[in-house]
Amino acid sequence: MQTSDSLETLSRLEKGIEAGWLVAAMLIPLLTFHESSMLGWIQMPKIFIARSLACYLVIMMIVWWVVHPSLRSESQAFGWGRTAFRSVAGHPARYVVLAAAAIAISTIISVAFSPVRSIGLTGIDTGWDTYGLVGIATYLVFFMAIIRHMRTADQIRRLFWVTATTASLVSIYAIVQHFGFDPFLSSPEPALRAYGSFGNPIFLGSYLVLSLPLTIALIPVSYTHLR
């Protein structure tokens, strides 16, 4: 039987976990510093905040698991594997979950048989976004946090709003950059192609393509509220 105190604790933990992916959705696209203060320029602060937030989410999810009464029961502990398999097998998004599991397994196998395991673990440079196990694990942590703890329409709307707001700020920065003003550049020459806060026009375009459907999905919601 869950007491009011345990329910309140679980609710706070859920909000803390949600805050982790919302902060990531805003800070990772936006975060950048002046190029003279960064080794590797734009990518490194983004990787730092992504991995830091992934560690935060791991801690929060472990605490949530410890606090949750049903997950701490003996029967649940011994039947966790069967329960997890049944829940995945019957879930509408099971193929997405299985695809993520396949990526994790293939990455682990790749590291196990890699001739240079240090590169397989952290990549050729630990501060860069590579396909090493640490980098893949970072994305899988966010994936697991969202599929396990995003349960309400309000949570989805909040993520959509954060993404749309962040994409708008990134777009404004790219437009200003296009007209030759960039406070984060040391060179007096304007950028030939706008890359926003991503350091690469292709990355900027990819992000905007991904965020555009979410922004469009908010139009009817905004219209309903305005009415």
Protein backbone atom coordinates (compact mmCIF):
# COMPACT_ATOMS: atom_id res chain seq x y z
CA MET A 1 0.00 0.00 0.00
CA GLN A 2 1.45 3.31 -1.04
CA THR A 3 1.31 6.10 1.54
CA SER A 4 0.76 9.74 0.70
CA ASP A 5 4.43 10.45 1.47
CA SER A 6 5.65 7.76 -0.95
CA LEU A 7 3.28 8.98 -3.64
CA GLU A 8 4.54 12.53 -3.19
CA THR A 9 8.14 11.32 -3.36
CA LEU A 10 7.44 9.37 -6.55
CA SER A 11 5.71 12.39 -8.05
CA ARG A 12 8.73 14.59 -7.31
CA LEU A 13 11.08 12.01 -8.79
CA GLU A 14 8.94 11.81 -11.93
CA LYS A 15 9.09 15.60 -12.26
CA GLY A 16 12.84 15.51 -11.72
CA ILE A 17 13.28 12.91 -14.46
CA GLU A 18 11.10 14.93 -16.82
CA ALA A 19 13.14 18.04 -16.02
CA GLY A 20 16.25 16.13 -17.12
CA TRP A 21 15.05 15.52 -20.67
CA LEU A 22 13.44 18.97 -20.96
CA VAL A 23 16.69 20.69 -19.96
CA ALA A 24 18.52 18.49 -22.46
CA ALA A 25 16.04 19.36 -25.23
CA MET A 26 16.73 23.05 -24.66
CA LEU A 27 20.38 23.28 -23.63
CA ILE A 28 22.02 20.82 -26.03
CA PRO A 29 20.86 22.60 -29.22
CA LEU A 30 21.44 26.09 -27.79
CA LEU A 31 24.64 25.73 -25.79
CA THR A 32 27.70 27.31 -27.36
CA PHE A 33 30.55 29.60 -26.35
CA HIS A 34 32.96 31.87 -28.13
CA GLU A 35 35.21 29.82 -30.40
CA SER A 36 38.37 31.11 -28.68
CA SER A 37 37.29 29.51 -25.39
CA MET A 38 36.59 26.00 -26.72
CA LEU A 39 38.73 23.13 -27.93
CA GLY A 40 36.77 21.57 -30.71
CA TRP A 41 34.45 24.58 -30.63
CA ILE A 42 30.71 23.94 -30.57
CA GLN A 43 30.54 20.20 -30.05
CA MET A 44 32.35 19.84 -26.72
CA PRO A 45 30.01 21.82 -24.41
CA LYS A 46 27.05 20.01 -25.95
CA ILE A 47 28.60 16.62 -25.26
CA PHE A 48 29.49 17.68 -21.73
CA ILE A 49 25.93 18.72 -20.87
CA ALA A 50 24.45 15.65 -22.59
CA ARG A 51 26.61 13.22 -20.61
CA SER A 52 26.12 15.15 -17.38
CA LEU A 53 22.34 15.04 -17.78
CA ALA A 54 22.51 11.35 -18.71
CA CYS A 55 24.32 10.66 -15.42
CA TYR A 56 21.68 12.71 -13.61
CA LEU A 57 18.89 10.68 -15.21
CA VAL A 58 20.56 7.39 -14.29
CA ILE A 59 20.75 8.47 -10.64
CA MET A 60 17.15 9.69 -10.63
CA MET A 61 15.83 6.50 -12.23
CA ILE A 62 17.75 4.33 -9.76
CA VAL A 63 16.28 6.32 -6.85
CA TRP A 64 12.82 6.02 -8.41
CA TRP A 65 13.27 2.25 -8.72
CA VAL A 66 14.39 1.98 -5.08
CA VAL A 67 11.51 4.11 -3.80
CA HIS A 68 8.80 2.45 -5.91
CA PRO A 69 7.17 -0.17 -3.64
CA SER A 70 5.97 -2.55 -6.38
CA LEU A 71 9.41 -2.67 -7.97
CA ARG A 72 11.07 -3.46 -4.64
CA SER A 73 8.86 -6.45 -3.86
CA GLU A 74 10.46 -9.89 -3.96
CA SER A 75 8.09 -11.29 -6.58
CA GLN A 76 8.73 -8.35 -8.88
CA ALA A 77 12.49 -8.62 -8.37
CA PHE A 78 12.58 -12.29 -9.44
CA GLY A 79 10.08 -11.86 -12.24
CA TRP A 80 11.54 -8.66 -13.63
CA GLY A 81 12.93 -10.26 -16.75
CA ARG A 82 9.67 -12.00 -17.71
CA THR A 83 7.62 -8.90 -16.90
CA ALA A 84 9.88 -6.66 -18.97
CA PHE A 85 9.78 -9.07 -21.91
CA ARG A 86 5.97 -9.32 -21.83
CA SER A 87 5.55 -5.54 -21.57
CA VAL A 88 7.88 -4.96 -24.52
CA ALA A 89 6.34 -7.76 -26.62
CA GLY A 90 2.86 -6.31 -26.22
CA HIS A 91 3.74 -2.64 -26.55
CA PRO A 92 2.81 -0.77 -29.78
CA ALA A 93 6.33 0.68 -29.92
CA ARG A 94 8.02 -2.70 -29.40
CA TYR A 95 9.95 -2.50 -32.67
CA VAL A 96 11.47 0.84 -31.65
CA VAL A 97 12.49 -0.64 -28.29
CA LEU A 98 13.93 -3.73 -29.96
CA ALA A 99 15.85 -1.53 -32.42
CA ALA A 100 17.39 0.39 -29.49
CA ALA A 101 18.28 -2.92 -27.81
CA ALA A 102 19.89 -4.12 -31.05
CA ILE A 103 22.01 -0.95 -31.19
CA ALA A 104 23.13 -1.46 -27.59
CA ILE A 105 24.00 -5.14 -28.16
CA SER A 106 25.84 -4.49 -31.42
CA THR A 107 27.86 -1.68 -29.80
CA ILE A 108 28.87 -3.93 -26.90
CA ILE A 109 29.88 -6.70 -29.29
CA SER A 110 31.85 -4.19 -31.36
CA VAL A 111 33.76 -3.03 -28.27
CA ALA A 112 34.40 -6.62 -27.16
CA PHE A 113 36.06 -7.51 -30.48
CA SER A 114 37.65 -4.12 -31.12
CA PRO A 115 41.46 -4.18 -31.61
CA VAL A 116 41.60 -0.85 -29.70
CA ARG A 117 39.03 -1.10 -26.93
CA SER A 118 39.73 2.37 -25.55
CA ILE A 119 38.50 3.90 -28.80
CA GLY A 120 35.53 1.53 -28.84
CA LEU A 121 34.60 2.67 -25.34
CA THR A 122 35.03 6.43 -25.47
CA GLY A 123 35.83 7.20 -29.10
CA ILE A 124 38.98 8.68 -30.51
CA ASP A 125 38.40 11.82 -28.41
CA THR A 126 36.43 11.61 -25.17
CA GLY A 127 35.09 15.14 -25.58
CA TRP A 128 33.62 14.58 -29.03
CA ASP A 129 30.43 12.92 -30.17
CA THR A 130 31.54 9.56 -31.54
CA TYR A 131 30.09 6.09 -31.90
CA GLY A 132 31.88 4.67 -28.87
CA LEU A 133 29.97 2.85 -26.14
CA VAL A 134 29.90 5.93 -23.90
CA GLY A 135 28.30 8.04 -26.63
CA ILE A 136 25.69 5.42 -27.54
CA ALA A 137 24.93 4.79 -23.86
CA THR A 138 24.23 8.51 -23.39
CA TYR A 139 21.50 8.45 -26.03
CA LEU A 140 20.08 5.16 -24.72
CA VAL A 141 19.72 6.67 -21.24
CA PHE A 142 17.55 9.48 -22.62
CA PHE A 143 15.62 6.92 -24.66
CA MET A 144 14.95 4.73 -21.62
CA ALA A 145 13.97 7.70 -19.44
CA ILE A 146 11.42 8.91 -21.96
CA ILE A 147 9.82 5.56 -22.83
CA ARG A 148 9.57 4.62 -19.15
CA HIS A 149 8.51 7.89 -17.58
CA MET A 150 6.67 9.85 -20.28
CA ARG A 151 3.10 8.81 -19.58
CA THR A 152 0.77 11.78 -20.02
CA ALA A 153 -0.33 14.08 -22.81
CA ASP A 154 0.83 17.07 -20.75
CA GLN A 155 4.38 15.69 -20.70
CA ILE A 156 4.31 15.29 -24.47
CA ARG A 157 3.02 18.83 -24.92
CA ARG A 158 5.73 20.23 -22.66
CA LEU A 159 8.42 18.46 -24.68
CA PHE A 160 6.87 19.77 -27.90
CA TRP A 161 6.78 23.33 -26.55
CA VAL A 162 10.39 23.19 -25.37
CA THR A 163 11.50 21.79 -28.74
CA ALA A 164 9.54 24.38 -30.71
CA THR A 165 10.82 27.25 -28.56
CA THR A 166 14.41 26.04 -28.83
CA ALA A 167 14.12 25.58 -32.60
CA SER A 168 12.77 29.14 -32.89
CA LEU A 169 15.74 30.54 -30.96
CA VAL A 170 18.17 28.51 -33.05
CA SER A 171 16.49 29.76 -36.23
CA ILE A 172 16.69 33.39 -35.10
CA TYR A 173 20.39 32.97 -34.39
CA ALA A 174 20.94 31.41 -37.83
CA ILE A 175 19.07 34.26 -39.54
CA VAL A 176 21.18 36.86 -37.72
CA GLN A 177 24.29 34.85 -38.60
CA HIS A 178 23.26 34.82 -42.25
CA PHE A 179 23.35 38.63 -42.30
CA GLY A 180 26.92 38.70 -40.99
CA PHE A 181 26.56 39.13 -37.23
CA ASP A 182 27.89 36.37 -34.96
CA PRO A 183 29.13 37.25 -31.44
CA PHE A 184 30.68 33.78 -31.03
CA LEU A 185 33.08 34.07 -33.96
CA SER A 186 36.61 35.47 -33.71
CA SER A 187 36.96 35.97 -37.44
CA PRO A 188 35.68 39.30 -38.80
CA GLU A 189 34.59 37.49 -41.96
CA PRO A 190 30.90 36.48 -41.88
CA ALA A 191 30.01 32.82 -42.20
CA LEU A 192 29.37 31.76 -45.79
CA ARG A 193 26.60 29.37 -44.68
CA ALA A 194 24.48 29.78 -41.57
CA TYR A 195 25.00 26.95 -39.11
CA GLY A 196 23.33 28.43 -36.04
CA SER A 197 24.51 26.96 -32.76
CA PHE A 198 25.37 23.60 -34.35
CA GLY A 199 28.65 24.41 -36.09
CA ASN A 200 27.55 22.72 -39.30
CA PRO A 201 24.76 23.72 -41.73
CA ILE A 202 23.84 20.05 -42.23
CA PHE A 203 23.35 19.54 -38.48
CA LEU A 204 21.27 22.72 -38.28
CA GLY A 205 19.07 21.61 -41.19
CA SER A 206 18.64 18.14 -39.69
CA TYR A 207 17.56 19.59 -36.35
CA LEU A 208 15.07 21.96 -37.95
CA VAL A 209 13.62 19.14 -40.08
CA LEU A 210 13.14 17.04 -36.94
CA SER A 211 11.61 19.89 -34.93
CA LEU A 212 9.30 21.19 -37.67
CA PRO A 213 6.62 18.44 -37.33
CA LEU A 214 6.51 19.00 -33.56
CA THR A 215 6.07 22.73 -34.09
CA ILE A 216 3.29 22.15 -36.62
CA ALA A 217 1.58 19.77 -34.17
CA LEU A 218 1.30 22.64 -31.68
CA ILE A 219 -0.70 24.86 -34.05
CA PRO A 220 -4.12 23.33 -33.25
CA VAL A 221 -3.26 23.33 -29.55
CA SER A 222 -2.35 27.01 -29.68
CA TYR A 223 -5.51 27.78 -31.66
CA THR A 224 -7.67 26.00 -29.07
CA HIS A 225 -6.11 27.96 -26.20
CA LEU A 226 -6.49 31.26 -28.02
CA ARG A 227 -10.18 30.58 -28.53
